[in-house]
Amino acid sequence: MGQVHPAPDGDPHRAAIGEANLTAVRIVRVLLTASDATASERLNGREIGSELEHELANSACPSRLLDEWAPVDTVREVTDGRSVVDVAGEVPTATEWVNSR
C-alpha cells in the first residue's frame, strides 16, 4: 500500500502514504451459513467412509464459533437451498461492492 516511487516529500519510509491507503480500503466480512441439515447433506455428498464421520463430528463447533465470534458488521449469507452460482452472485450486492440489482 506504500509502493510509490519516489517517496513522497516528508515521508521517506512511505509510512504515511501506506496508512492513508489502508484507511481508504473498505473491508467487508462475509460469513456463509448453512443449517446443520444442509451441512450434513453437503458433507455426505463430498466425503466417504471414515472421513465423513470425522468431518461431521468436526464441523458443528467451528461453525458455531464463527457465528458467535464474527463481528457485528459481518454480512451473513444463508446458503441453504441455494446454488453456488446464486450465492456467488448475491455476495457482491450484499457487501455493496456493486449496486443492488
PDB file of N, CA and C in Angstrom:
ATOM      1  N   MET A   1       0.821  -1.177   0.000  1.00  0.00           N
ATOM      2  CA  MET A   1       0.000   0.000   0.000  1.00  0.00           C
ATOM      3  C   MET A   1       0.873   1.253   0.000  1.00  0.00           C
ATOM      4  N   GLY A   2       2.138   1.066   0.267  1.00  0.00           N
ATOM      5  CA  GLY A   2       3.043   2.202   0.241  1.00  0.00           C
ATOM      6  C   GLY A   2       4.060   2.079  -0.873  1.00  0.00           C
ATOM      7  N   GLN A   3       3.727   1.335  -1.901  1.00  0.00           N
ATOM      8  CA  GLN A   3       4.650   1.104  -3.015  1.00  0.00           C
ATOM      9  C   GLN A   3       4.599   2.277  -3.984  1.00  0.00           C
ATOM     10  N   VAL A   4       5.274   3.359  -3.648  1.00  0.00           N
ATOM     11  CA  VAL A   4       5.345   4.523  -4.523  1.00  0.00           C
ATOM     12  C   VAL A   4       6.811   4.913  -4.691  1.00  0.00           C
ATOM     13  N   HIS A   5       7.122   5.431  -5.852  1.00  0.00           N
ATOM     14  CA  HIS A   5       8.491   5.883  -6.116  1.00  0.00           C
ATOM     15  C   HIS A   5       8.426   7.136  -6.951  1.00  0.00           C
ATOM     16  N   PRO A   6       9.090   8.137  -6.576  1.00  0.00           N
ATOM     17  CA  PRO A   6       9.901   8.281  -5.366  1.00  0.00           C
ATOM     18  C   PRO A   6       9.019   8.444  -4.131  1.00  0.00           C
ATOM     19  N   ALA A   7       9.639   8.320  -2.971  1.00  0.00           N
ATOM     20  CA  ALA A   7       8.896   8.501  -1.724  1.00  0.00           C
ATOM     21  C   ALA A   7       8.359   9.928  -1.661  1.00  0.00           C
ATOM     22  N   PRO A   8       7.139  10.094  -1.135  1.00  0.00           N
ATOM     23  CA  PRO A   8       6.578  11.446  -1.021  1.00  0.00           C
ATOM     24  C   PRO A   8       7.442  12.332  -0.123  1.00  0.00           C
ATOM     25  N   ASP A   9       7.441  13.632  -0.387  1.00  0.00           N
ATOM     26  CA  ASP A   9       8.179  14.579   0.458  1.00  0.00           C
ATOM     27  C   ASP A   9       7.723  14.436   1.906  1.00  0.00           C
ATOM     28  N   GLY A  10       8.653  14.366   2.810  1.00  0.00           N
ATOM     29  CA  GLY A  10       8.347  14.274   4.231  1.00  0.00           C
ATOM     30  C   GLY A  10       7.919  12.891   4.677  1.00  0.00           C
ATOM     31  N   ASP A  11       7.948  11.906   3.782  1.00  0.00           N
ATOM     32  CA  ASP A  11       7.532  10.533   4.119  1.00  0.00           C
ATOM     33  C   ASP A  11       8.543   9.546   3.520  1.00  0.00           C
ATOM     34  N   PRO A  12       9.818   9.657   3.927  1.00  0.00           N
ATOM     35  CA  PRO A  12      10.857   8.840   3.289  1.00  0.00           C
ATOM     36  C   PRO A  12      10.657   7.334   3.435  1.00  0.00           C
ATOM     37  N   HIS A  13       9.969   6.913   4.494  1.00  0.00           N
ATOM     38  CA  HIS A  13       9.749   5.476   4.704  1.00  0.00           C
ATOM     39  C   HIS A  13       8.377   5.037   4.200  1.00  0.00           C
ATOM     40  N   ARG A  14       7.657   5.977   3.591  1.00  0.00           N
ATOM     41  CA  ARG A  14       6.349   5.715   2.977  1.00  0.00           C
ATOM     42  C   ARG A  14       5.284   5.251   3.989  1.00  0.00           C
ATOM     43  N   ALA A  15       5.488   5.543   5.259  1.00  0.00           N
ATOM     44  CA  ALA A  15       4.537   5.119   6.294  1.00  0.00           C
ATOM     45  C   ALA A  15       3.222   5.884   6.180  1.00  0.00           C
ATOM     46  N   ALA A  16       3.287   7.178   5.966  1.00  0.00           N
ATOM     47  CA  ALA A  16       2.064   7.984   5.899  1.00  0.00           C
ATOM     48  C   ALA A  16       1.223   7.621   4.673  1.00  0.00           C
ATOM     49  N   ILE A  17       1.873   7.430   3.530  1.00  0.00           N
ATOM     50  CA  ILE A  17       1.124   7.075   2.320  1.00  0.00           C
ATOM     51  C   ILE A  17       0.502   5.682   2.470  1.00  0.00           C
ATOM     52  N   GLY A  18       1.238   4.769   3.106  1.00  0.00           N
ATOM     53  CA  GLY A  18       0.693   3.432   3.362  1.00  0.00           C
ATOM     54  C   GLY A  18      -0.511   3.489   4.280  1.00  0.00           C
ATOM     55  N   GLU A  19      -0.425   4.288   5.330  1.00  0.00           N
ATOM     56  CA  GLU A  19      -1.549   4.426   6.261  1.00  0.00           C
ATOM     57  C   GLU A  19      -2.750   5.067   5.571  1.00  0.00           C
ATOM     58  N   ALA A  20      -2.506   6.084   4.761  1.00  0.00           N
ATOM     59  CA  ALA A  20      -3.598   6.740   4.042  1.00  0.00           C
ATOM     60  C   ALA A  20      -4.288   5.756   3.099  1.00  0.00           C
ATOM     61  N   ASN A  21      -3.500   4.924   2.431  1.00  0.00           N
ATOM     62  CA  ASN A  21      -4.096   3.941   1.518  1.00  0.00           C
ATOM     63  C   ASN A  21      -4.896   2.890   2.272  1.00  0.00           C
ATOM     64  N   LEU A  22      -4.394   2.471   3.431  1.00  0.00           N
ATOM     65  CA  LEU A  22      -5.123   1.470   4.214  1.00  0.00           C
ATOM     66  C   LEU A  22      -6.448   2.004   4.732  1.00  0.00           C
ATOM     67  N   THR A  23      -6.494   3.274   5.105  1.00  0.00           N
ATOM     68  CA  THR A  23      -7.753   3.825   5.612  1.00  0.00           C
ATOM     69  C   THR A  23      -8.784   3.970   4.495  1.00  0.00           C
ATOM     70  N   ALA A  24      -8.334   3.961   3.258  1.00  0.00           N
ATOM     71  CA  ALA A  24      -9.263   4.061   2.128  1.00  0.00           C
ATOM     72  C   ALA A  24      -9.876   2.709   1.761  1.00  0.00           C
ATOM     73  N   VAL A  25      -9.309   1.631   2.276  1.00  0.00           N
ATOM     74  CA  VAL A  25      -9.788   0.289   1.956  1.00  0.00           C
ATOM     75  C   VAL A  25     -10.983  -0.058   2.842  1.00  0.00           C
ATOM     76  N   ARG A  26     -12.054  -0.525   2.243  1.00  0.00           N
ATOM     77  CA  ARG A  26     -13.241  -0.951   2.984  1.00  0.00           C
ATOM     78  C   ARG A  26     -13.227  -2.469   3.077  1.00  0.00           C
ATOM     79  N   ILE A  27     -13.144  -2.970   4.288  1.00  0.00           N
ATOM     80  CA  ILE A  27     -13.119  -4.415   4.500  1.00  0.00           C
ATOM     81  C   ILE A  27     -14.524  -4.883   4.856  1.00  0.00           C
ATOM     82  N   VAL A  28     -14.984  -5.874   4.128  1.00  0.00           N
ATOM     83  CA  VAL A  28     -16.306  -6.443   4.385  1.00  0.00           C
ATOM     84  C   VAL A  28     -16.128  -7.942   4.640  1.00  0.00           C
ATOM     85  N   ARG A  29     -16.580  -8.376   5.802  1.00  0.00           N
ATOM     86  CA  ARG A  29     -16.515  -9.804   6.125  1.00  0.00           C
ATOM     87  C   ARG A  29     -17.811 -10.460   5.692  1.00  0.00           C
ATOM     88  N   VAL A  30     -17.695 -11.640   5.102  1.00  0.00           N
ATOM     89  CA  VAL A  30     -18.876 -12.391   4.680  1.00  0.00           C
ATOM     90  C   VAL A  30     -18.798 -13.781   5.302  1.00  0.00           C
ATOM     91  N   LEU A  31     -19.832 -14.169   5.997  1.00  0.00           N
ATOM     92  CA  LEU A  31     -19.914 -15.486   6.610  1.00  0.00           C
ATOM     93  C   LEU A  31     -21.024 -16.255   5.905  1.00  0.00           C
ATOM     94  N   LEU A  32     -20.640 -17.301   5.198  1.00  0.00           N
ATOM     95  CA  LEU A  32     -21.621 -18.150   4.523  1.00  0.00           C
ATOM     96  C   LEU A  32     -22.143 -19.143   5.545  1.00  0.00           C
ATOM     97  N   THR A  33     -23.457 -19.181   5.722  1.00  0.00           N
ATOM     98  CA  THR A  33     -24.048 -20.048   6.734  1.00  0.00           C
ATOM     99  C   THR A  33     -24.911 -21.128   6.089  1.00  0.00           C
ATOM    100  N   ALA A  34     -25.076 -22.201   6.823  1.00  0.00           N
ATOM    101  CA  ALA A  34     -25.949 -23.296   6.399  1.00  0.00           C
ATOM    102  C   ALA A  34     -26.460 -23.993   7.655  1.00  0.00           C
ATOM    103  N   SER A  35     -27.655 -24.513   7.569  1.00  0.00           N
ATOM    104  CA  SER A  35     -28.205 -25.265   8.700  1.00  0.00           C
ATOM    105  C   SER A  35     -27.395 -26.543   8.880  1.00  0.00           C
ATOM    106  N   ASP A  36     -27.549 -27.170  10.038  1.00  0.00           N
ATOM    107  CA  ASP A  36     -26.853 -28.437  10.287  1.00  0.00           C
ATOM    108  C   ASP A  36     -27.266 -29.485   9.256  1.00  0.00           C
ATOM    109  N   ALA A  37     -28.544 -29.488   8.896  1.00  0.00           N
ATOM    110  CA  ALA A  37     -29.038 -30.467   7.918  1.00  0.00           C
ATOM    111  C   ALA A  37     -28.375 -30.250   6.551  1.00  0.00           C
ATOM    112  N   THR A  38     -28.263 -29.005   6.136  1.00  0.00           N
ATOM    113  CA  THR A  38     -27.632 -28.704   4.845  1.00  0.00           C
ATOM    114  C   THR A  38     -26.150 -29.046   4.886  1.00  0.00           C
ATOM    115  N   ALA A  39     -25.475 -28.703   5.972  1.00  0.00           N
ATOM    116  CA  ALA A  39     -24.051 -29.021   6.094  1.00  0.00           C
ATOM    117  C   ALA A  39     -23.831 -30.530   6.040  1.00  0.00           C
ATOM    118  N   SER A  40     -24.687 -31.271   6.728  1.00  0.00           N
ATOM    119  CA  SER A  40     -24.588 -32.722   6.713  1.00  0.00           C
ATOM    120  C   SER A  40     -24.810 -33.273   5.308  1.00  0.00           C
ATOM    121  N   GLU A  41     -25.817 -32.760   4.616  1.00  0.00           N
ATOM    122  CA  GLU A  41     -26.108 -33.202   3.245  1.00  0.00           C
ATOM    123  C   GLU A  41     -24.913 -32.928   2.318  1.00  0.00           C
ATOM    124  N   ARG A  42     -24.329 -31.760   2.457  1.00  0.00           N
ATOM    125  CA  ARG A  42     -23.180 -31.411   1.615  1.00  0.00           C
ATOM    126  C   ARG A  42     -21.978 -32.291   1.919  1.00  0.00           C
ATOM    127  N   LEU A  43     -21.727 -32.528   3.202  1.00  0.00           N
ATOM    128  CA  LEU A  43     -20.605 -33.400   3.569  1.00  0.00           C
ATOM    129  C   LEU A  43     -20.841 -34.826   3.089  1.00  0.00           C
ATOM    130  N   ASN A  44     -22.076 -35.300   3.151  1.00  0.00           N
ATOM    131  CA  ASN A  44     -22.401 -36.647   2.660  1.00  0.00           C
ATOM    132  C   ASN A  44     -22.120 -36.777   1.169  1.00  0.00           C
ATOM    133  N   GLY A  45     -22.298 -35.706   0.436  1.00  0.00           N
ATOM    134  CA  GLY A  45     -22.047 -35.734  -0.995  1.00  0.00           C
ATOM    135  C   GLY A  45     -20.583 -35.592  -1.359  1.00  0.00           C
ATOM    136  N   ARG A  46     -19.782 -35.161  -0.390  1.00  0.00           N
ATOM    137  CA  ARG A  46     -18.382 -34.852  -0.668  1.00  0.00           C
ATOM    138  C   ARG A  46     -17.398 -35.829  -0.039  1.00  0.00           C
ATOM    139  N   GLU A  47     -17.734 -36.392   1.092  1.00  0.00           N
ATOM    140  CA  GLU A  47     -16.814 -37.251   1.846  1.00  0.00           C
ATOM    141  C   GLU A  47     -17.292 -38.700   1.831  1.00  0.00           C
ATOM    142  N   ILE A  48     -16.359 -39.609   2.065  1.00  0.00           N
ATOM    143  CA  ILE A  48     -16.705 -41.031   2.128  1.00  0.00           C
ATOM    144  C   ILE A  48     -16.051 -41.678   3.335  1.00  0.00           C
ATOM    145  N   GLY A  49     -16.627 -42.798   3.750  1.00  0.00           N
ATOM    146  CA  GLY A  49     -16.040 -43.620   4.809  1.00  0.00           C
ATOM    147  C   GLY A  49     -15.770 -42.869   6.095  1.00  0.00           C
ATOM    148  N   SER A  50     -14.625 -43.145   6.684  1.00  0.00           N
ATOM    149  CA  SER A  50     -14.272 -42.548   7.972  1.00  0.00           C
ATOM    150  C   SER A  50     -14.080 -41.042   7.872  1.00  0.00           C
ATOM    151  N   GLU A  51     -13.748 -40.551   6.696  1.00  0.00           N
ATOM    152  CA  GLU A  51     -13.605 -39.106   6.524  1.00  0.00           C
ATOM    153  C   GLU A  51     -14.937 -38.397   6.756  1.00  0.00           C
ATOM    154  N   LEU A  52     -16.025 -39.019   6.326  1.00  0.00           N
ATOM    155  CA  LEU A  52     -17.346 -38.427   6.520  1.00  0.00           C
ATOM    156  C   LEU A  52     -17.638 -38.292   8.007  1.00  0.00           C
ATOM    157  N   GLU A  53     -17.439 -39.347   8.755  1.00  0.00           N
ATOM    158  CA  GLU A  53     -17.690 -39.309  10.196  1.00  0.00           C
ATOM    159  C   GLU A  53     -16.839 -38.230  10.866  1.00  0.00           C
ATOM    160  N   HIS A  54     -15.592 -38.164  10.475  1.00  0.00           N
ATOM    161  CA  HIS A  54     -14.666 -37.166  11.032  1.00  0.00           C
ATOM    162  C   HIS A  54     -15.156 -35.744  10.720  1.00  0.00           C
ATOM    163  N   GLU A  55     -15.513 -35.490   9.479  1.00  0.00           N
ATOM    164  CA  GLU A  55     -15.954 -34.149   9.076  1.00  0.00           C
ATOM    165  C   GLU A  55     -17.279 -33.772   9.735  1.00  0.00           C
ATOM    166  N   LEU A  56     -18.196 -34.711   9.841  1.00  0.00           N
ATOM    167  CA  LEU A  56     -19.465 -34.436  10.512  1.00  0.00           C
ATOM    168  C   LEU A  56     -19.240 -34.070  11.973  1.00  0.00           C
ATOM    169  N   ALA A  57     -18.366 -34.805  12.633  1.00  0.00           N
ATOM    170  CA  ALA A  57     -18.081 -34.557  14.046  1.00  0.00           C
ATOM    171  C   ALA A  57     -17.370 -33.220  14.258  1.00  0.00           C
ATOM    172  N   ASN A  58     -16.578 -32.809  13.298  1.00  0.00           N
ATOM    173  CA  ASN A  58     -15.758 -31.609  13.481  1.00  0.00           C
ATOM    174  C   ASN A  58     -16.317 -30.349  12.831  1.00  0.00           C
ATOM    175  N   SER A  59     -17.461 -30.414  12.200  1.00  0.00           N
ATOM    176  CA  SER A  59     -17.954 -29.225  11.502  1.00  0.00           C
ATOM    177  C   SER A  59     -18.832 -28.322  12.367  1.00  0.00           C
ATOM    178  N   ALA A  60     -19.531 -28.864  13.312  1.00  0.00           N
ATOM    179  CA  ALA A  60     -20.500 -28.081  14.079  1.00  0.00           C
ATOM    180  C   ALA A  60     -19.848 -27.041  14.989  1.00  0.00           C
ATOM    181  N   CYS A  61     -18.834 -27.414  15.718  1.00  0.00           N
ATOM    182  CA  CYS A  61     -18.214 -26.492  16.679  1.00  0.00           C
ATOM    183  C   CYS A  61     -17.601 -25.265  16.002  1.00  0.00           C
ATOM    184  N   PRO A  62     -16.759 -25.422  14.983  1.00  0.00           N
ATOM    185  CA  PRO A  62     -16.205 -24.229  14.324  1.00  0.00           C
ATOM    186  C   PRO A  62     -17.292 -23.340  13.722  1.00  0.00           C
ATOM    187  N   SER A  63     -18.335 -23.953  13.205  1.00  0.00           N
ATOM    188  CA  SER A  63     -19.429 -23.184  12.620  1.00  0.00           C
ATOM    189  C   SER A  63     -20.076 -22.285  13.668  1.00  0.00           C
ATOM    190  N   ARG A  64     -20.342 -22.842  14.824  1.00  0.00           N
ATOM    191  CA  ARG A  64     -20.971 -22.067  15.884  1.00  0.00           C
ATOM    192  C   ARG A  64     -20.032 -20.979  16.411  1.00  0.00           C
ATOM    193  N   LEU A  65     -18.751 -21.298  16.512  1.00  0.00           N
ATOM    194  CA  LEU A  65     -17.780 -20.298  16.970  1.00  0.00           C
ATOM    195  C   LEU A  65     -17.667 -19.149  15.977  1.00  0.00           C
ATOM    196  N   LEU A  66     -17.627 -19.461  14.687  1.00  0.00           N
ATOM    197  CA  LEU A  66     -17.584 -18.408  13.671  1.00  0.00           C
ATOM    198  C   LEU A  66     -18.803 -17.500  13.802  1.00  0.00           C
ATOM    199  N   ASP A  67     -19.959 -18.095  13.949  1.00  0.00           N
ATOM    200  CA  ASP A  67     -21.181 -17.311  14.066  1.00  0.00           C
ATOM    201  C   ASP A  67     -21.166 -16.447  15.320  1.00  0.00           C
ATOM    202  N   GLU A  68     -20.700 -17.016  16.421  1.00  0.00           N
ATOM    203  CA  GLU A  68     -20.685 -16.315  17.698  1.00  0.00           C
ATOM    204  C   GLU A  68     -19.638 -15.199  17.737  1.00  0.00           C
ATOM    205  N   TRP A  69     -18.465 -15.454  17.181  1.00  0.00           N
ATOM    206  CA  TRP A  69     -17.354 -14.511  17.300  1.00  0.00           C
ATOM    207  C   TRP A  69     -17.229 -13.541  16.133  1.00  0.00           C
ATOM    208  N   ALA A  70     -17.988 -13.746  15.090  1.00  0.00           N
ATOM    209  CA  ALA A  70     -17.888 -12.827  13.948  1.00  0.00           C
ATOM    210  C   ALA A  70     -18.327 -11.431  14.389  1.00  0.00           C
ATOM    211  N   PRO A  71     -17.614 -10.402  13.953  1.00  0.00           N
ATOM    212  CA  PRO A  71     -18.006  -9.040  14.316  1.00  0.00           C
ATOM    213  C   PRO A  71     -19.442  -8.735  13.890  1.00  0.00           C
ATOM    214  N   VAL A  72     -20.058  -7.813  14.578  1.00  0.00           N
ATOM    215  CA  VAL A  72     -21.462  -7.476  14.361  1.00  0.00           C
ATOM    216  C   VAL A  72     -21.729  -7.054  12.913  1.00  0.00           C
ATOM    217  N   ASP A  73     -20.772  -6.391  12.285  1.00  0.00           N
ATOM    218  CA  ASP A  73     -20.994  -5.890  10.929  1.00  0.00           C
ATOM    219  C   ASP A  73     -20.731  -6.937   9.843  1.00  0.00           C
ATOM    220  N   THR A  74     -20.499  -8.180  10.250  1.00  0.00           N
ATOM    221  CA  THR A  74     -20.276  -9.248   9.277  1.00  0.00           C
ATOM    222  C   THR A  74     -21.560  -9.521   8.493  1.00  0.00           C
ATOM    223  N   VAL A  75     -21.428  -9.594   7.176  1.00  0.00           N
ATOM    224  CA  VAL A  75     -22.561  -9.931   6.330  1.00  0.00           C
ATOM    225  C   VAL A  75     -22.739 -11.445   6.377  1.00  0.00           C
ATOM    226  N   ARG A  76     -23.928 -11.886   6.725  1.00  0.00           N
ATOM    227  CA  ARG A  76     -24.210 -13.327   6.786  1.00  0.00           C
ATOM    228  C   ARG A  76     -25.096 -13.708   5.604  1.00  0.00           C
ATOM    229  N   GLU A  77     -24.632 -14.657   4.832  1.00  0.00           N
ATOM    230  CA  GLU A  77     -25.396 -15.136   3.671  1.00  0.00           C
ATOM    231  C   GLU A  77     -25.827 -16.568   3.925  1.00  0.00           C
ATOM    232  N   VAL A  78     -27.125 -16.791   3.984  1.00  0.00           N
ATOM    233  CA  VAL A  78     -27.665 -18.137   4.175  1.00  0.00           C
ATOM    234  C   VAL A  78     -27.556 -18.876   2.842  1.00  0.00           C
ATOM    235  N   THR A  79     -26.991 -20.078   2.876  1.00  0.00           N
ATOM    236  CA  THR A  79     -26.766 -20.838   1.644  1.00  0.00           C
ATOM    237  C   THR A  79     -27.709 -22.028   1.487  1.00  0.00           C
ATOM    238  N   ASP A  80     -28.567 -22.260   2.465  1.00  0.00           N
ATOM    239  CA  ASP A  80     -29.500 -23.391   2.380  1.00  0.00           C
ATOM    240  C   ASP A  80     -30.350 -23.296   1.116  1.00  0.00           C
ATOM    241  N   GLY A  81     -30.404 -24.394   0.363  1.00  0.00           N
ATOM    242  CA  GLY A  81     -31.245 -24.461  -0.815  1.00  0.00           C
ATOM    243  C   GLY A  81     -30.801 -23.569  -1.967  1.00  0.00           C
ATOM    244  N   ARG A  82     -29.579 -23.086  -1.915  1.00  0.00           N
ATOM    245  CA  ARG A  82     -29.089 -22.180  -2.952  1.00  0.00           C
ATOM    246  C   ARG A  82     -27.885 -22.790  -3.659  1.00  0.00           C
ATOM    247  N   SER A  83     -27.759 -22.483  -4.938  1.00  0.00           N
ATOM    248  CA  SER A  83     -26.617 -22.972  -5.706  1.00  0.00           C
ATOM    249  C   SER A  83     -25.400 -22.084  -5.453  1.00  0.00           C
ATOM    250  N   VAL A  84     -24.242 -22.607  -5.772  1.00  0.00           N
ATOM    251  CA  VAL A  84     -23.003 -21.842  -5.649  1.00  0.00           C
ATOM    252  C   VAL A  84     -23.101 -20.571  -6.488  1.00  0.00           C
ATOM    253  N   VAL A  85     -23.625 -20.692  -7.686  1.00  0.00           N
ATOM    254  CA  VAL A  85     -23.754 -19.542  -8.592  1.00  0.00           C
ATOM    255  C   VAL A  85     -24.670 -18.475  -7.981  1.00  0.00           C
ATOM    256  N   ASP A  86     -25.765 -18.903  -7.372  1.00  0.00           N
ATOM    257  CA  ASP A  86     -26.696 -17.968  -6.742  1.00  0.00           C
ATOM    258  C   ASP A  86     -26.020 -17.212  -5.601  1.00  0.00           C
ATOM    259  N   VAL A  87     -25.331 -17.938  -4.742  1.00  0.00           N
ATOM    260  CA  VAL A  87     -24.649 -17.306  -3.604  1.00  0.00           C
ATOM    261  C   VAL A  87     -23.552 -16.372  -4.106  1.00  0.00           C
ATOM    262  N   ALA A  88     -22.766 -16.836  -5.056  1.00  0.00           N
ATOM    263  CA  ALA A  88     -21.677 -16.011  -5.596  1.00  0.00           C
ATOM    264  C   ALA A  88     -22.219 -14.741  -6.235  1.00  0.00           C
ATOM    265  N   GLY A  89     -23.392 -14.818  -6.835  1.00  0.00           N
ATOM    266  CA  GLY A  89     -23.993 -13.642  -7.435  1.00  0.00           C
ATOM    267  C   GLY A  89     -24.547 -12.670  -6.419  1.00  0.00           C
ATOM    268  N   GLU A  90     -24.912 -13.168  -5.251  1.00  0.00           N
ATOM    269  CA  GLU A  90     -25.512 -12.339  -4.216  1.00  0.00           C
ATOM    270  C   GLU A  90     -24.475 -11.618  -3.352  1.00  0.00           C
ATOM    271  N   VAL A  91     -23.328 -12.212  -3.152  1.00  0.00           N
ATOM    272  CA  VAL A  91     -22.329 -11.644  -2.243  1.00  0.00           C
ATOM    273  C   VAL A  91     -21.898 -10.230  -2.644  1.00  0.00           C
ATOM    274  N   PRO A  92     -21.602  -9.951  -3.907  1.00  0.00           N
ATOM    275  CA  PRO A  92     -21.214  -8.570  -4.243  1.00  0.00           C
ATOM    276  C   PRO A  92     -22.296  -7.540  -3.912  1.00  0.00           C
ATOM    277  N   THR A  93     -23.544  -7.897  -4.092  1.00  0.00           N
ATOM    278  CA  THR A  93     -24.638  -6.987  -3.766  1.00  0.00           C
ATOM    279  C   THR A  93     -24.761  -6.822  -2.254  1.00  0.00           C
ATOM    280  N   ALA A  94     -24.697  -7.925  -1.525  1.00  0.00           N
ATOM    281  CA  ALA A  94     -24.838  -7.881  -0.066  1.00  0.00           C
ATOM    282  C   ALA A  94     -23.720  -7.070   0.592  1.00  0.00           C
ATOM    283  N   THR A  95     -22.556  -7.069  -0.009  1.00  0.00           N
ATOM    284  CA  THR A  95     -21.417  -6.344   0.552  1.00  0.00           C
ATOM    285  C   THR A  95     -21.297  -4.930   0.000  1.00  0.00           C
ATOM    286  N   GLU A  96     -22.232  -4.582  -0.873  1.00  0.00           N
ATOM    287  CA  GLU A  96     -22.258  -3.264  -1.509  1.00  0.00           C
ATOM    288  C   GLU A  96     -21.039  -3.027  -2.401  1.00  0.00           C
ATOM    289  N   TRP A  97     -20.474  -4.119  -2.943  1.00  0.00           N
ATOM    290  CA  TRP A  97     -19.393  -3.977  -3.916  1.00  0.00           C
ATOM    291  C   TRP A  97     -19.956  -3.562  -5.268  1.00  0.00           C
ATOM    292  N   VAL A  98     -21.229  -3.864  -5.470  1.00  0.00           N
ATOM    293  CA  VAL A  98     -21.941  -3.428  -6.667  1.00  0.00           C
ATOM    294  C   VAL A  98     -23.304  -2.925  -6.235  1.00  0.00           C
ATOM    295  N   ASN A  99     -23.947  -2.149  -7.070  1.00  0.00           N
ATOM    296  CA  ASN A  99     -25.286  -1.647  -6.755  1.00  0.00           C
ATOM    297  C   ASN A  99     -26.287  -2.791  -6.738  1.00  0.00           C
ATOM    298  N   SER A 100     -27.341  -2.618  -5.985  1.00  0.00           N
ATOM    299  CA  SER A 100     -28.395  -3.629  -5.949  1.00  0.00           C
ATOM    300  C   SER A 100     -28.970  -3.822  -7.333  1.00  0.00           C
ATOM    301  N   ARG A 101     -29.381  -5.071  -7.600  1.00  0.00           N
ATOM    302  CA  ARG A 101     -29.963  -5.370  -8.907  1.00  0.00           C
ATOM    303  C   ARG A 101     -31.333  -4.786  -9.043  1.00  0.00           C
TER     304      ARG A 101
END
